[in-house]
Protein backbone atom coordinates (compact mmCIF):
# COMPACT_ATOMS: atom_id res chain seq x y z
CA MET A 1 184.35 86.03 84.92
CA ASN A 2 183.73 88.82 87.32
CA ILE A 3 183.80 92.27 85.72
CA GLN A 4 184.40 95.35 87.82
CA HIS A 5 182.68 98.34 86.99
CA PRO A 6 183.21 101.87 88.51
CA ALA A 7 181.46 102.48 91.67
CA ARG A 8 180.60 106.15 91.21
CA MET A 9 180.73 108.49 88.25
CA ASP A 10 178.82 111.53 86.74
CA GLN A 11 176.29 111.42 84.04
CA ALA A 12 178.77 112.39 81.05
CA ALA A 13 181.31 109.62 82.24
CA PHE A 14 178.83 107.26 82.56
CA LEU A 15 177.35 107.60 78.99
CA THR A 16 180.68 107.48 77.74
CA TRP A 17 181.47 104.23 79.66
CA VAL A 18 177.98 102.35 79.05
CA GLN A 19 178.29 102.55 75.25
CA GLY A 20 178.98 99.05 73.83
CA ARG A 21 178.73 97.18 77.09
CA GLU A 22 176.74 93.80 76.61
CA GLU A 23 175.33 94.28 80.07
CA ARG A 24 172.57 96.85 81.15
CA TYR A 25 173.25 99.50 83.51
CA GLU A 26 171.54 102.56 84.95
CA LEU A 27 173.21 105.55 87.16
CA ASP A 28 171.51 106.01 90.18
CA ARG A 29 172.74 109.29 92.15
CA GLY A 30 176.14 108.68 90.81
CA ARG A 31 176.21 104.68 91.55
CA VAL A 32 176.42 102.54 88.62
CA VAL A 33 173.82 99.61 89.03
CA MET A 34 173.82 96.47 86.78
CA MET A 35 170.17 95.67 85.60
CA THR A 36 169.08 92.20 85.29
CA GLY A 37 168.31 90.75 81.78
CA GLY A 38 164.91 90.24 80.96
CA SER A 39 162.80 86.97 80.10
CA ARG A 40 161.31 85.92 76.86
CA GLU A 41 157.78 87.43 78.13
CA HIS A 42 159.58 90.58 79.33
CA TRP A 43 161.11 91.36 75.85
CA ARG A 44 157.90 90.21 74.03
CA ILE A 45 155.72 92.60 75.91
CA GLY A 46 158.10 95.35 75.28
CA PHE A 47 158.38 94.78 71.62
CA ASN A 48 154.56 94.56 71.55
CA ILE A 49 154.37 98.05 73.45
CA ALA A 50 156.70 99.75 71.15
CA ARG A 51 155.11 98.33 67.98
CA ALA A 52 151.65 99.27 69.25
CA LEU A 53 152.76 102.84 69.93
CA ASP A 54 154.81 103.17 66.68
CA ASP A 55 151.42 102.25 64.88
CA ARG A 56 149.52 104.82 66.57
CA LEU A 57 151.64 107.91 66.81
CA ASP A 58 152.62 110.51 64.13
CA ALA A 59 156.30 109.81 63.22
CA SER A 60 156.77 113.40 62.27
CA ARG A 61 156.09 114.34 65.92
CA TYR A 62 157.02 111.53 68.03
CA MET A 63 160.00 108.80 67.96
CA VAL A 64 159.32 105.44 69.87
CA VAL A 65 162.74 104.15 71.04
CA PRO A 66 163.49 101.01 73.19
CA GLU A 67 165.73 101.81 76.10
CA LEU A 68 166.73 105.56 75.45
CA GLY A 69 168.32 107.33 78.39
CA ILE A 70 166.24 109.53 80.66
CA ASP A 71 167.97 112.25 82.76
CA VAL A 72 165.90 112.12 85.94
CA ALA A 73 167.97 114.10 88.19
CA PRO A 74 171.74 114.90 88.64
CA GLY A 75 173.68 111.84 89.00
CA SER A 76 171.08 109.65 87.63
CA ILE A 77 170.10 107.98 84.19
CA ARG A 78 167.46 105.41 83.91
CA PHE A 79 166.98 103.21 80.64
CA PRO A 80 163.28 102.13 80.66
CA ASP A 81 162.20 99.45 78.18
CA VAL A 82 160.27 102.07 75.78
CA VAL A 83 160.44 105.64 75.43
CA VAL A 84 158.28 108.19 73.48
CA ASP A 85 160.28 110.98 72.80
CA VAL A 86 160.50 114.07 70.34
CA PRO A 87 162.54 113.24 67.00
CA ALA A 88 166.02 113.94 67.72
CA GLU A 89 167.87 116.75 66.10
CA THR A 90 171.32 115.23 66.06
CA ARG A 91 172.65 111.79 65.49
CA GLY A 92 173.85 109.90 68.09
CA ASP A 93 171.82 110.95 71.16
CA LEU A 94 172.19 108.69 74.20
CA LYS A 95 169.39 110.52 76.15
CA ALA A 96 165.78 111.54 75.37
CA ARG A 97 165.23 115.27 74.92
CA ALA A 98 161.60 115.50 76.04
CA PRO A 99 160.02 112.12 77.07
CA ILE A 100 156.35 112.27 76.33
CA LEU A 101 155.36 108.47 77.45
CA ILE A 102 157.66 106.21 79.23
CA ALA A 103 156.54 102.34 79.65
CA GLU A 104 158.19 99.67 81.89
CA VAL A 105 157.84 95.96 82.05
CA LEU A 106 157.98 94.58 85.32
CA SER A 107 160.42 92.26 86.30
CA PRO A 108 160.30 90.12 89.84
CA SER A 109 163.55 92.02 90.54
CA SER A 110 162.22 95.50 89.45
CA GLU A 111 158.88 95.86 90.85
CA ARG A 112 159.56 97.92 93.95
CA VAL A 113 161.71 100.14 91.77
CA ASP A 114 159.51 100.40 88.75
CA LEU A 115 156.29 101.36 90.75
CA GLY A 116 158.09 103.12 93.43
CA ASP A 117 161.61 105.01 92.75
CA LYS A 118 161.08 105.32 89.00
CA ALA A 119 157.62 106.23 89.16
CA ALA A 120 158.53 109.18 91.53
CA GLU A 121 161.42 110.13 89.26
CA TYR A 122 159.63 109.88 86.08
CA LEU A 123 156.43 111.61 87.26
CA LYS A 124 158.60 114.83 87.94
CA LEU A 125 159.70 115.11 84.05
CA PRO A 126 158.02 118.30 82.96
CA SER A 127 157.39 116.92 79.38
CA LEU A 128 156.09 113.51 80.34
CA ILE A 129 152.22 112.79 79.69
CA ALA A 130 152.15 109.09 80.69
CA TYR A 131 153.94 106.48 82.59
CA LEU A 132 152.83 102.76 82.07
CA VAL A 133 154.05 99.74 83.78
CA PHE A 134 152.90 96.40 82.56
CA ALA A 135 153.11 93.07 84.50
CA GLN A 136 154.64 90.12 82.69
CA ASP A 137 152.83 87.21 84.60
CA GLU A 138 149.20 88.50 83.84
CA MET A 139 147.37 90.98 81.88
CA LYS A 140 147.83 93.97 84.18
CA ALA A 141 148.96 97.42 83.99
CA TRP A 142 149.87 100.45 86.25
CA VAL A 143 148.80 103.76 84.38
CA TRP A 144 149.89 107.28 85.27
CA THR A 145 148.34 109.99 83.00
CA ARG A 146 148.85 113.77 83.53
CA GLY A 147 145.44 115.33 83.87
CA PRO A 148 143.77 118.37 82.81
CA ASN A 149 145.21 120.34 85.88
CA ASP A 150 148.74 119.36 84.30
CA GLU A 151 149.20 116.95 87.38
CA PHE A 152 149.66 113.36 87.65
CA PRO A 153 147.07 111.71 90.03
CA PRO A 154 148.53 110.59 93.66
CA GLY A 155 148.47 106.87 92.34
CA PRO A 156 148.11 104.96 89.20
CA GLU A 157 144.94 103.74 87.59
CA VAL A 158 145.25 99.69 87.74
CA LEU A 159 143.96 98.12 84.88
CA GLU A 160 143.54 94.23 84.34
CA GLY A 161 142.14 91.48 81.99
CA GLN A 162 142.12 90.52 78.37
CA ASP A 163 139.40 92.94 77.35
CA THR A 164 141.18 96.00 78.81
CA ILE A 165 142.25 99.10 76.79
CA ALA A 166 144.77 101.45 78.15
CA ARG A 167 143.69 104.80 77.10
CA ILE A 168 146.10 107.73 76.90
CA GLU A 169 143.69 110.45 76.05
CA PRO A 170 146.20 113.38 75.91
CA LEU A 171 147.91 111.50 72.80
CA GLU A 172 144.48 110.35 71.72
CA ILE A 173 145.64 106.46 71.92
CA GLU A 174 144.33 103.19 72.97
CA LEU A 175 146.49 100.09 73.85
CA PRO A 176 144.42 97.00 73.84
CA PHE A 177 145.79 94.30 76.29
CA VAL A 178 145.13 91.67 73.74
CA GLU A 179 147.53 93.49 71.41
CA ILE A 180 150.37 94.15 74.30
CA TYR A 181 150.19 90.65 75.54
CA ASP A 182 149.89 89.03 71.90
CA ARG A 183 152.14 85.66 71.91
CA VAL A 184 153.00 86.03 75.67
CA ARG A 185 152.24 82.74 77.73
CA PHE A 186 151.36 82.89 81.11
CA SER A 187 152.24 80.06 83.53
């Protein structure tokens, strides 16, 4: 079955339209874009990231949420794999209020966007402390962390290997790769 979706819309119309849809969508400069589904490894890594963050962060200060909308620019809403946000004051929020950390899991079709367009958009968010992108076919991550001068470095720190630990110093947490990639099988 071929399901048509509106070609263009604003953020409010998009958030109303996207609710309850089985497929995943993002709004990119007013254009509705269908996102591909993730593999078993993709979802396992995303789950492991969310669990690791939830175990390490103070629940009274931070809320770990999968696929919460991020308002990145007028006419654009992204849905990263994992978001750390401030606790919601109201029920039913569809967008993060002040995202602190955003994590994406690379898919073959999303690498250019996750490491390019999305990185550029996310790193402009004033509340963001860290942006993490994890590979799903090897133990590798690209990590941007806001520095002491309140700026992000020009490029990510690239981390690789089983014994690697992603350190997010502003949040005083460590994410060991053995935990992020727990039960993930590489081909």
